Amino acid sequence: MREEEAISMERTRLEKTTGSPTRVTFLGSGDAFGSGGRLPSAVHVGDGERGFLVDCGPAVLPAMRRSGVEPSTVELILISHLHGDHLGGVPFFLLEEQLASARQAPLVIAGPEGVGRVVSTLAETLFPGFSTSIVTFPLSFVELRPLVTVELCGVGILPFPAIHSAASNPLSLRVETGSRVIAYSGDTEWHDGLIEASRGADLFICECFSYHGPKANHLDHSTLVSKKGLIDAKRIVIVHMDETMLARTGSLAFEPAFDGMVIEL
């Protein structure tokens, strides 16, 4: 089945569902290199009225338009680590909300140590004068500390130290929203924190960069297969795949995501 047909069928099914389910929309499922033409990392979680982002890659705004996700409903942006393919869309998001939407609702951006400094510097670099402009809405930055649970915008977040480029201050995340739990590896090699992060989770979104491994700073298919018995999640979906993974999407041990994919929890 073509990905476009799968998206259409899933949306039709969701429209027939009563109540307000938690919907997970993969705005961007790709790596930093655009492998397979996929957009950089960004996932939206929400119920149609309010929601949050897990990572915010550079193409987040067009991805939101295509998926019918309204930026003004986003109350919180979670950043797993300080690399451009995971936070490069934040300045564009802020500009859109300030100028195009005239947002007034508060926005919280939470991530590893240095997230506020990096986002502010990036915004000023991309849009000179941004730092001196008057922000039309309350904007706050929260630094997440490994193994310290916080609640932001009604979302519980437990970060775990990840193994990636040390300068990016990488985190894996366990997120609780309502009665649902979503685990997110971020970019990382295997670490045992992923066992606890994904324990009993309704959904574990896990990067699986390459088919052959091990790979420095990233998970690979063979490693993830060897650790599968340790992962106690109801559903595992893999993202951030390179060409060696995309060439095998029909025969992988895990369910691959694609841009625009929607999961109802």
C-alpha atoms as a PDB file:
ATOM      1  CA  MET A   1       0.000   0.000   0.000  1.00  0.00           C
ATOM      2  CA  ARG A   2       1.291   3.456  -0.867  1.00  0.00           C
ATOM      3  CA  GLU A   3       2.085   5.758   2.063  1.00  0.00           C
ATOM      4  CA  GLU A   4      -0.440   8.357   0.821  1.00  0.00           C
ATOM      5  CA  GLU A   5      -3.198   5.745   0.838  1.00  0.00           C
ATOM      6  CA  ALA A   6      -2.229   4.598   4.322  1.00  0.00           C
ATOM      7  CA  ILE A   7      -2.406   8.185   5.604  1.00  0.00           C
ATOM      8  CA  SER A   8      -5.834   8.706   4.027  1.00  0.00           C
ATOM      9  CA  MET A   9      -7.230   5.472   5.461  1.00  0.00           C
ATOM     10  CA  GLU A  10      -5.918   6.242   8.935  1.00  0.00           C
ATOM     11  CA  ARG A  11      -7.394   9.744   8.910  1.00  0.00           C
ATOM     12  CA  THR A  12     -10.770   8.374   7.814  1.00  0.00           C
ATOM     13  CA  ARG A  13     -10.703   5.866  10.651  1.00  0.00           C
ATOM     14  CA  LEU A  14      -9.811   8.547  13.183  1.00  0.00           C
ATOM     15  CA  GLU A  15     -12.657  10.777  12.042  1.00  0.00           C
ATOM     16  CA  LYS A  16     -15.095   7.995  12.898  1.00  0.00           C
ATOM     17  CA  THR A  17     -13.673   7.591  16.401  1.00  0.00           C
ATOM     18  CA  THR A  18     -15.660   9.162  19.229  1.00  0.00           C
ATOM     19  CA  GLY A  19     -14.097  11.143  22.062  1.00  0.00           C
ATOM     20  CA  SER A  20     -10.698  12.783  22.009  1.00  0.00           C
ATOM     21  CA  PRO A  21      -8.004  10.158  21.444  1.00  0.00           C
ATOM     22  CA  THR A  22      -4.340  10.947  21.772  1.00  0.00           C
ATOM     23  CA  ARG A  23      -2.979  11.240  18.251  1.00  0.00           C
ATOM     24  CA  VAL A  24       0.674  10.929  17.426  1.00  0.00           C
ATOM     25  CA  THR A  25       1.583  12.482  14.082  1.00  0.00           C
ATOM     26  CA  PHE A  26       5.012  11.904  12.598  1.00  0.00           C
ATOM     27  CA  LEU A  27       5.636  15.283  10.997  1.00  0.00           C
ATOM     28  CA  GLY A  28       9.199  14.292  10.169  1.00  0.00           C
ATOM     29  CA  SER A  29      10.598  10.766  10.411  1.00  0.00           C
ATOM     30  CA  GLY A  30      13.926  11.261   8.672  1.00  0.00           C
ATOM     31  CA  ASP A  31      17.573  11.742   9.500  1.00  0.00           C
ATOM     32  CA  ALA A  32      19.785  14.804   9.141  1.00  0.00           C
ATOM     33  CA  PHE A  33      20.606  13.984   5.508  1.00  0.00           C
ATOM     34  CA  GLY A  34      17.118  13.824   4.021  1.00  0.00           C
ATOM     35  CA  SER A  35      17.451  10.111   3.308  1.00  0.00           C
ATOM     36  CA  GLY A  36      14.556   8.908   1.196  1.00  0.00           C
ATOM     37  CA  GLY A  37      13.291  12.474   0.868  1.00  0.00           C
ATOM     38  CA  ARG A  38      12.044  12.365   4.444  1.00  0.00           C
ATOM     39  CA  LEU A  39      11.757  15.448   6.643  1.00  0.00           C
ATOM     40  CA  PRO A  40      13.859  15.936   9.797  1.00  0.00           C
ATOM     41  CA  SER A  41      12.690  14.844  13.231  1.00  0.00           C
ATOM     42  CA  ALA A  42       9.402  16.186  14.584  1.00  0.00           C
ATOM     43  CA  VAL A  43       6.468  14.433  16.248  1.00  0.00           C
ATOM     44  CA  HIS A  44       3.185  16.026  17.304  1.00  0.00           C
ATOM     45  CA  VAL A  45       1.132  14.604  20.155  1.00  0.00           C
ATOM     46  CA  GLY A  46      -2.341  15.975  20.833  1.00  0.00           C
ATOM     47  CA  ASP A  47      -6.083  15.584  20.978  1.00  0.00           C
ATOM     48  CA  GLY A  48      -7.053  18.174  18.382  1.00  0.00           C
ATOM     49  CA  GLU A  49      -7.533  20.974  20.900  1.00  0.00           C
ATOM     50  CA  ARG A  50      -4.080  21.120  22.480  1.00  0.00           C
ATOM     51  CA  GLY A  51      -0.815  19.347  21.982  1.00  0.00           C
ATOM     52  CA  PHE A  52       2.954  19.347  22.102  1.00  0.00           C
ATOM     53  CA  LEU A  53       5.928  18.629  19.871  1.00  0.00           C
ATOM     54  CA  VAL A  54       8.699  16.139  20.507  1.00  0.00           C
ATOM     55  CA  ASP A  55      11.618  17.625  18.585  1.00  0.00           C
ATOM     56  CA  CYS A  56      11.144  20.374  16.035  1.00  0.00           C
ATOM     57  CA  GLY A  57      13.159  19.881  12.852  1.00  0.00           C
ATOM     58  CA  PRO A  58      13.709  22.622  10.259  1.00  0.00           C
ATOM     59  CA  ALA A  59      10.716  21.612   8.084  1.00  0.00           C
ATOM     60  CA  VAL A  60       8.213  21.553  10.941  1.00  0.00           C
ATOM     61  CA  LEU A  61       5.893  24.282   9.602  1.00  0.00           C
ATOM     62  CA  PRO A  62       5.248  22.831   6.118  1.00  0.00           C
ATOM     63  CA  ALA A  63       4.938  19.401   7.739  1.00  0.00           C
ATOM     64  CA  MET A  64       2.289  20.745  10.125  1.00  0.00           C
ATOM     65  CA  ARG A  65       0.376  22.337   7.241  1.00  0.00           C
ATOM     66  CA  ARG A  66       0.380  19.070   5.309  1.00  0.00           C
ATOM     67  CA  SER A  67      -0.813  17.086   8.329  1.00  0.00           C
ATOM     68  CA  GLY A  68      -3.495  19.562   9.378  1.00  0.00           C
ATOM     69  CA  VAL A  69      -1.823  20.342  12.704  1.00  0.00           C
ATOM     70  CA  GLU A  70      -2.478  23.898  13.868  1.00  0.00           C
ATOM     71  CA  PRO A  71       0.654  25.516  15.356  1.00  0.00           C
ATOM     72  CA  SER A  72      -1.396  27.643  17.755  1.00  0.00           C
ATOM     73  CA  THR A  73      -2.541  24.486  19.585  1.00  0.00           C
ATOM     74  CA  VAL A  74       1.051  23.628  20.543  1.00  0.00           C
ATOM     75  CA  GLU A  75       1.673  24.487  24.183  1.00  0.00           C
ATOM     76  CA  LEU A  76       5.000  22.757  24.660  1.00  0.00           C
ATOM     77  CA  ILE A  77       8.033  21.882  22.543  1.00  0.00           C
ATOM     78  CA  LEU A  78      10.315  19.150  23.871  1.00  0.00           C
ATOM     79  CA  ILE A  79      13.840  18.991  22.475  1.00  0.00           C
ATOM     80  CA  SER A  80      15.857  15.780  22.853  1.00  0.00           C
ATOM     81  CA  HIS A  81      19.261  17.271  22.057  1.00  0.00           C
ATOM     82  CA  LEU A  82      20.928  20.338  20.619  1.00  0.00           C
ATOM     83  CA  HIS A  83      21.371  19.351  16.968  1.00  0.00           C
ATOM     84  CA  GLY A  84      19.891  21.325  14.095  1.00  0.00           C
ATOM     85  CA  ASP A  85      17.818  18.511  12.624  1.00  0.00           C
ATOM     86  CA  HIS A  86      16.002  18.256  15.955  1.00  0.00           C
ATOM     87  CA  LEU A  87      15.555  21.929  16.917  1.00  0.00           C
ATOM     88  CA  GLY A  88      16.214  23.913  13.734  1.00  0.00           C
ATOM     89  CA  GLY A  89      12.509  24.552  13.219  1.00  0.00           C
ATOM     90  CA  VAL A  90      12.008  26.390  16.501  1.00  0.00           C
ATOM     91  CA  PRO A  91      12.962  29.879  15.183  1.00  0.00           C
ATOM     92  CA  PHE A  92      10.559  29.478  12.253  1.00  0.00           C
ATOM     93  CA  PHE A  93       7.832  28.299  14.630  1.00  0.00           C
ATOM     94  CA  LEU A  94       8.400  31.307  16.901  1.00  0.00           C
ATOM     95  CA  LEU A  95       8.359  33.733  13.983  1.00  0.00           C
ATOM     96  CA  GLU A  96       5.127  32.248  12.638  1.00  0.00           C
ATOM     97  CA  GLU A  97       3.422  32.446  16.009  1.00  0.00           C
ATOM     98  CA  GLN A  98       4.594  35.994  16.640  1.00  0.00           C
ATOM     99  CA  LEU A  99       3.934  37.557  13.234  1.00  0.00           C
ATOM    100  CA  ALA A 100       1.502  35.411  11.293  1.00  0.00           C
ATOM    101  CA  SER A 101      -0.679  34.136  14.142  1.00  0.00           C
ATOM    102  CA  ALA A 102      -0.248  36.949  16.692  1.00  0.00           C
ATOM    103  CA  ARG A 103      -0.202  34.268  19.355  1.00  0.00           C
ATOM    104  CA  GLN A 104      -1.082  35.234  22.904  1.00  0.00           C
ATOM    105  CA  ALA A 105      -1.127  31.815  24.587  1.00  0.00           C
ATOM    106  CA  PRO A 106       2.033  30.826  26.494  1.00  0.00           C
ATOM    107  CA  LEU A 107       4.621  28.542  24.930  1.00  0.00           C
ATOM    108  CA  VAL A 108       7.133  26.442  26.843  1.00  0.00           C
ATOM    109  CA  ILE A 109      10.290  25.089  25.216  1.00  0.00           C
ATOM    110  CA  ALA A 110      12.004  22.387  27.260  1.00  0.00           C
ATOM    111  CA  GLY A 111      15.204  20.546  26.501  1.00  0.00           C
ATOM    112  CA  PRO A 112      18.672  19.745  27.744  1.00  0.00           C
ATOM    113  CA  GLU A 113      21.053  22.180  29.367  1.00  0.00           C
ATOM    114  CA  GLY A 114      21.639  25.162  27.084  1.00  0.00           C
ATOM    115  CA  VAL A 115      18.379  24.888  25.133  1.00  0.00           C
ATOM    116  CA  GLY A 116      17.395  28.521  25.714  1.00  0.00           C
ATOM    117  CA  ARG A 117      20.808  29.851  24.737  1.00  0.00           C
ATOM    118  CA  VAL A 118      21.023  27.730  21.582  1.00  0.00           C
ATOM    119  CA  VAL A 119      17.499  28.544  20.393  1.00  0.00           C
ATOM    120  CA  SER A 120      17.954  32.269  21.059  1.00  0.00           C
ATOM    121  CA  THR A 121      21.296  32.346  19.232  1.00  0.00           C
ATOM    122  CA  LEU A 122      19.870  30.395  16.303  1.00  0.00           C
ATOM    123  CA  ALA A 123      16.823  32.667  16.051  1.00  0.00           C
ATOM    124  CA  GLU A 124      18.996  35.771  16.035  1.00  0.00           C
ATOM    125  CA  THR A 125      21.323  34.235  13.426  1.00  0.00           C
ATOM    126  CA  LEU A 126      18.504  33.290  11.072  1.00  0.00           C
ATOM    127  CA  PHE A 127      16.440  36.416  11.676  1.00  0.00           C
ATOM    128  CA  PRO A 128      18.700  39.321  12.742  1.00  0.00           C
ATOM    129  CA  GLY A 129      16.877  41.582  15.174  1.00  0.00           C
ATOM    130  CA  PHE A 130      14.702  38.793  16.532  1.00  0.00           C
ATOM    131  CA  SER A 131      16.234  39.112  19.995  1.00  0.00           C
ATOM    132  CA  THR A 132      15.147  42.738  20.278  1.00  0.00           C
ATOM    133  CA  SER A 133      11.645  42.246  18.899  1.00  0.00           C
ATOM    134  CA  ILE A 134       8.649  42.272  21.214  1.00  0.00           C
ATOM    135  CA  VAL A 135       7.328  38.756  21.693  1.00  0.00           C
ATOM    136  CA  THR A 136       3.538  38.840  21.664  1.00  0.00           C
ATOM    137  CA  PHE A 137       3.134  35.818  23.927  1.00  0.00           C
ATOM    138  CA  PRO A 138       4.707  34.463  27.127  1.00  0.00           C
ATOM    139  CA  LEU A 139       7.720  32.354  26.138  1.00  0.00           C
ATOM    140  CA  SER A 140       9.723  30.341  28.641  1.00  0.00           C
ATOM    141  CA  PHE A 141      12.599  27.878  28.482  1.00  0.00           C
ATOM    142  CA  VAL A 142      13.018  24.950  30.858  1.00  0.00           C
ATOM    143  CA  GLU A 143      16.197  22.907  31.143  1.00  0.00           C
ATOM    144  CA  LEU A 144      15.508  19.223  31.719  1.00  0.00           C
ATOM    145  CA  ARG A 145      17.755  17.377  34.146  1.00  0.00           C
ATOM    146  CA  PRO A 146      18.445  13.671  33.628  1.00  0.00           C
ATOM    147  CA  LEU A 147      16.415  11.402  35.920  1.00  0.00           C
ATOM    148  CA  VAL A 148      14.409  14.321  37.336  1.00  0.00           C
ATOM    149  CA  THR A 149      10.681  14.240  36.545  1.00  0.00           C
ATOM    150  CA  VAL A 150       8.945  17.510  35.736  1.00  0.00           C
ATOM    151  CA  GLU A 151       5.399  18.394  34.726  1.00  0.00           C
ATOM    152  CA  LEU A 152       4.924  21.029  32.045  1.00  0.00           C
ATOM    153  CA  CYS A 153       1.603  21.980  30.483  1.00  0.00           C
ATOM    154  CA  GLY A 154       0.024  18.899  32.045  1.00  0.00           C
ATOM    155  CA  VAL A 155       2.666  16.614  30.530  1.00  0.00           C
ATOM    156  CA  GLY A 156       4.954  14.536  32.734  1.00  0.00           C
ATOM    157  CA  ILE A 157       8.513  14.268  31.440  1.00  0.00           C
ATOM    158  CA  LEU A 158      11.261  11.977  32.721  1.00  0.00           C
ATOM    159  CA  PRO A 159      14.571  12.457  30.870  1.00  0.00           C
ATOM    160  CA  PHE A 160      17.321   9.849  30.684  1.00  0.00           C
ATOM    161  CA  PRO A 161      20.957  10.528  29.714  1.00  0.00           C
ATOM    162  CA  ALA A 162      21.558   9.323  26.161  1.00  0.00           C
ATOM    163  CA  ILE A 163      24.746   8.441  24.285  1.00  0.00           C
ATOM    164  CA  HIS A 164      25.235  10.789  21.361  1.00  0.00           C
ATOM    165  CA  SER A 165      27.490  13.749  20.619  1.00  0.00           C
ATOM    166  CA  ALA A 166      28.351  14.978  24.124  1.00  0.00           C
ATOM    167  CA  ALA A 167      28.174  18.635  23.097  1.00  0.00           C
ATOM    168  CA  SER A 168      24.523  18.188  22.121  1.00  0.00           C
ATOM    169  CA  ASN A 169      23.566  17.218  25.708  1.00  0.00           C
ATOM    170  CA  PRO A 170      21.470  14.266  24.492  1.00  0.00           C
ATOM    171  CA  LEU A 171      18.420  12.930  26.303  1.00  0.00           C
ATOM    172  CA  SER A 172      15.966  10.092  25.889  1.00  0.00           C
ATOM    173  CA  LEU A 173      12.468  10.909  27.118  1.00  0.00           C
ATOM    174  CA  ARG A 174       9.566   9.199  28.837  1.00  0.00           C
ATOM    175  CA  VAL A 175       6.467  11.331  28.405  1.00  0.00           C
ATOM    176  CA  GLU A 176       3.111  10.881  30.138  1.00  0.00           C
ATOM    177  CA  THR A 177       0.074  12.646  28.731  1.00  0.00           C
ATOM    178  CA  GLY A 178      -3.262  11.789  30.265  1.00  0.00           C
ATOM    179  CA  SER A 179      -3.291   8.026  30.681  1.00  0.00           C
ATOM    180  CA  ARG A 180      -0.848   7.438  27.818  1.00  0.00           C
ATOM    181  CA  VAL A 181       2.909   6.957  27.948  1.00  0.00           C
ATOM    182  CA  ILE A 182       5.188   7.673  25.019  1.00  0.00           C
ATOM    183  CA  ALA A 183       8.897   6.888  25.097  1.00  0.00           C
ATOM    184  CA  TYR A 184      11.355   8.547  22.736  1.00  0.00           C
ATOM    185  CA  SER A 185      14.954   7.478  22.333  1.00  0.00           C
ATOM    186  CA  GLY A 186      16.236  10.630  20.679  1.00  0.00           C
ATOM    187  CA  ASP A 187      19.527  10.083  18.870  1.00  0.00           C
ATOM    188  CA  THR A 188      21.559   7.626  20.892  1.00  0.00           C
ATOM    189  CA  GLU A 189      23.514   4.438  21.083  1.00  0.00           C
ATOM    190  CA  TRP A 190      21.875   1.726  23.155  1.00  0.00           C
ATOM    191  CA  HIS A 191      21.760   2.522  26.870  1.00  0.00           C
ATOM    192  CA  ASP A 192      19.882   0.699  29.596  1.00  0.00           C
ATOM    193  CA  GLY A 193      17.858   3.808  30.382  1.00  0.00           C
ATOM    194  CA  LEU A 194      15.813   2.912  27.306  1.00  0.00           C
ATOM    195  CA  ILE A 195      14.520  -0.126  29.190  1.00  0.00           C
ATOM    196  CA  GLU A 196      13.045   2.029  31.939  1.00  0.00           C
ATOM    197  CA  ALA A 197      11.962   4.799  29.579  1.00  0.00           C
ATOM    198  CA  SER A 198       9.910   2.367  27.487  1.00  0.00           C
ATOM    199  CA  ARG A 199       8.612   0.178  30.334  1.00  0.00           C
ATOM    200  CA  GLY A 200       4.871  -0.290  29.823  1.00  0.00           C
ATOM    201  CA  ALA A 201       4.778   2.552  27.280  1.00  0.00           C
ATOM    202  CA  ASP A 202       1.889   2.698  24.850  1.00  0.00           C
ATOM    203  CA  LEU A 203       4.364   3.739  22.159  1.00  0.00           C
ATOM    204  CA  PHE A 204       8.148   3.677  21.935  1.00  0.00           C
ATOM    205  CA  ILE A 205       9.533   5.890  19.171  1.00  0.00           C
ATOM    206  CA  CYS A 206      13.080   4.694  18.631  1.00  0.00           C
ATOM    207  CA  GLU A 207      15.730   5.846  16.232  1.00  0.00           C
ATOM    208  CA  CYS A 208      17.316   3.111  14.135  1.00  0.00           C
ATOM    209  CA  PHE A 209      19.765   4.921  11.931  1.00  0.00           C
ATOM    210  CA  SER A 210      21.506   2.119  10.080  1.00  0.00           C
ATOM    211  CA  TYR A 211      20.955  -1.528   9.229  1.00  0.00           C
ATOM    212  CA  HIS A 212      24.503  -2.603   9.917  1.00  0.00           C
ATOM    213  CA  GLY A 213      26.212  -1.767  13.156  1.00  0.00           C
ATOM    214  CA  PRO A 214      27.215  -0.951  15.722  1.00  0.00           C
ATOM    215  CA  LYS A 215      27.230   2.733  14.782  1.00  0.00           C
ATOM    216  CA  ALA A 216      28.799   5.449  16.928  1.00  0.00           C
ATOM    217  CA  ASN A 217      26.229   7.791  18.480  1.00  0.00           C
ATOM    218  CA  HIS A 218      23.276   5.933  16.943  1.00  0.00           C
ATOM    219  CA  LEU A 219      21.242   2.758  17.193  1.00  0.00           C
ATOM    220  CA  ASP A 220      21.359   0.183  14.428  1.00  0.00           C
ATOM    221  CA  HIS A 221      18.957  -2.597  13.459  1.00  0.00           C
ATOM    222  CA  SER A 222      21.089  -5.508  14.651  1.00  0.00           C
ATOM    223  CA  THR A 223      21.642  -3.943  18.079  1.00  0.00           C
ATOM    224  CA  LEU A 224      17.968  -3.123  18.464  1.00  0.00           C
ATOM    225  CA  VAL A 225      16.994  -6.672  17.504  1.00  0.00           C
ATOM    226  CA  SER A 226      19.370  -8.037  20.149  1.00  0.00           C
ATOM    227  CA  LYS A 227      17.742  -5.797  22.780  1.00  0.00           C
ATOM    228  CA  LYS A 228      14.142  -6.379  21.695  1.00  0.00           C
ATOM    229  CA  GLY A 229      13.399  -8.720  24.602  1.00  0.00           C
ATOM    230  CA  LEU A 230      14.279  -5.952  27.063  1.00  0.00           C
ATOM    231  CA  ILE A 231      11.804  -3.465  25.599  1.00  0.00           C
ATOM    232  CA  ASP A 232       8.448  -3.636  27.359  1.00  0.00           C
ATOM    233  CA  ALA A 233       6.403  -1.321  25.145  1.00  0.00           C
ATOM    234  CA  LYS A 234       3.056  -2.055  23.537  1.00  0.00           C
ATOM    235  CA  ARG A 235       4.180  -0.707  20.175  1.00  0.00           C
ATOM    236  CA  ILE A 236       7.605   0.121  18.772  1.00  0.00           C
ATOM    237  CA  VAL A 237       8.018   2.443  15.802  1.00  0.00           C
ATOM    238  CA  ILE A 238      11.424   3.293  14.365  1.00  0.00           C
ATOM    239  CA  VAL A 239      12.527   6.617  12.896  1.00  0.00           C
ATOM    240  CA  HIS A 240      15.671   8.477  11.752  1.00  0.00           C
ATOM    241  CA  MET A 241      16.605   5.808   9.187  1.00  0.00           C
ATOM    242  CA  ASP A 242      19.357   6.072   6.601  1.00  0.00           C
ATOM    243  CA  GLU A 243      19.296   4.590   3.102  1.00  0.00           C
ATOM    244  CA  THR A 244      20.429   1.146   4.304  1.00  0.00           C
ATOM    245  CA  MET A 245      17.312   0.992   6.471  1.00  0.00           C
ATOM    246  CA  LEU A 246      14.903   2.499   3.963  1.00  0.00           C
ATOM    247  CA  ALA A 247      15.935  -0.097   1.381  1.00  0.00           C
ATOM    248  CA  ARG A 248      14.624  -2.780   3.739  1.00  0.00           C
ATOM    249  CA  THR A 249      11.420  -1.265   5.124  1.00  0.00           C
ATOM    250  CA  GLY A 250       9.427  -4.307   4.035  1.00  0.00           C
ATOM    251  CA  SER A 251      11.544  -6.780   5.983  1.00  0.00           C
ATOM    252  CA  LEU A 252      12.572  -5.022   9.191  1.00  0.00           C
ATOM    253  CA  ALA A 253      11.968  -6.440  12.660  1.00  0.00           C
ATOM    254  CA  PHE A 254      10.236  -3.201  13.706  1.00  0.00           C
ATOM    255  CA  GLU A 255       7.492  -1.008  12.314  1.00  0.00           C
ATOM    256  CA  PRO A 256       8.983   1.908  10.352  1.00  0.00           C
ATOM    257  CA  ALA A 257       7.427   5.359  10.537  1.00  0.00           C
ATOM    258  CA  PHE A 258       6.896   7.621   7.544  1.00  0.00           C
ATOM    259  CA  ASP A 259       6.168  11.326   7.190  1.00  0.00           C
ATOM    260  CA  GLY A 260       2.499  12.005   7.856  1.00  0.00           C
ATOM    261  CA  MET A 261       1.913   8.733   9.695  1.00  0.00           C
ATOM    262  CA  VAL A 262      -0.752   9.000  12.414  1.00  0.00           C
ATOM    263  CA  ILE A 263      -1.140   6.658  15.381  1.00  0.00           C
ATOM    264  CA  GLU A 264      -4.096   6.763  17.739  1.00  0.00           C
ATOM    265  CA  LEU A 265      -3.474   5.821  21.368  1.00  0.00           C
END
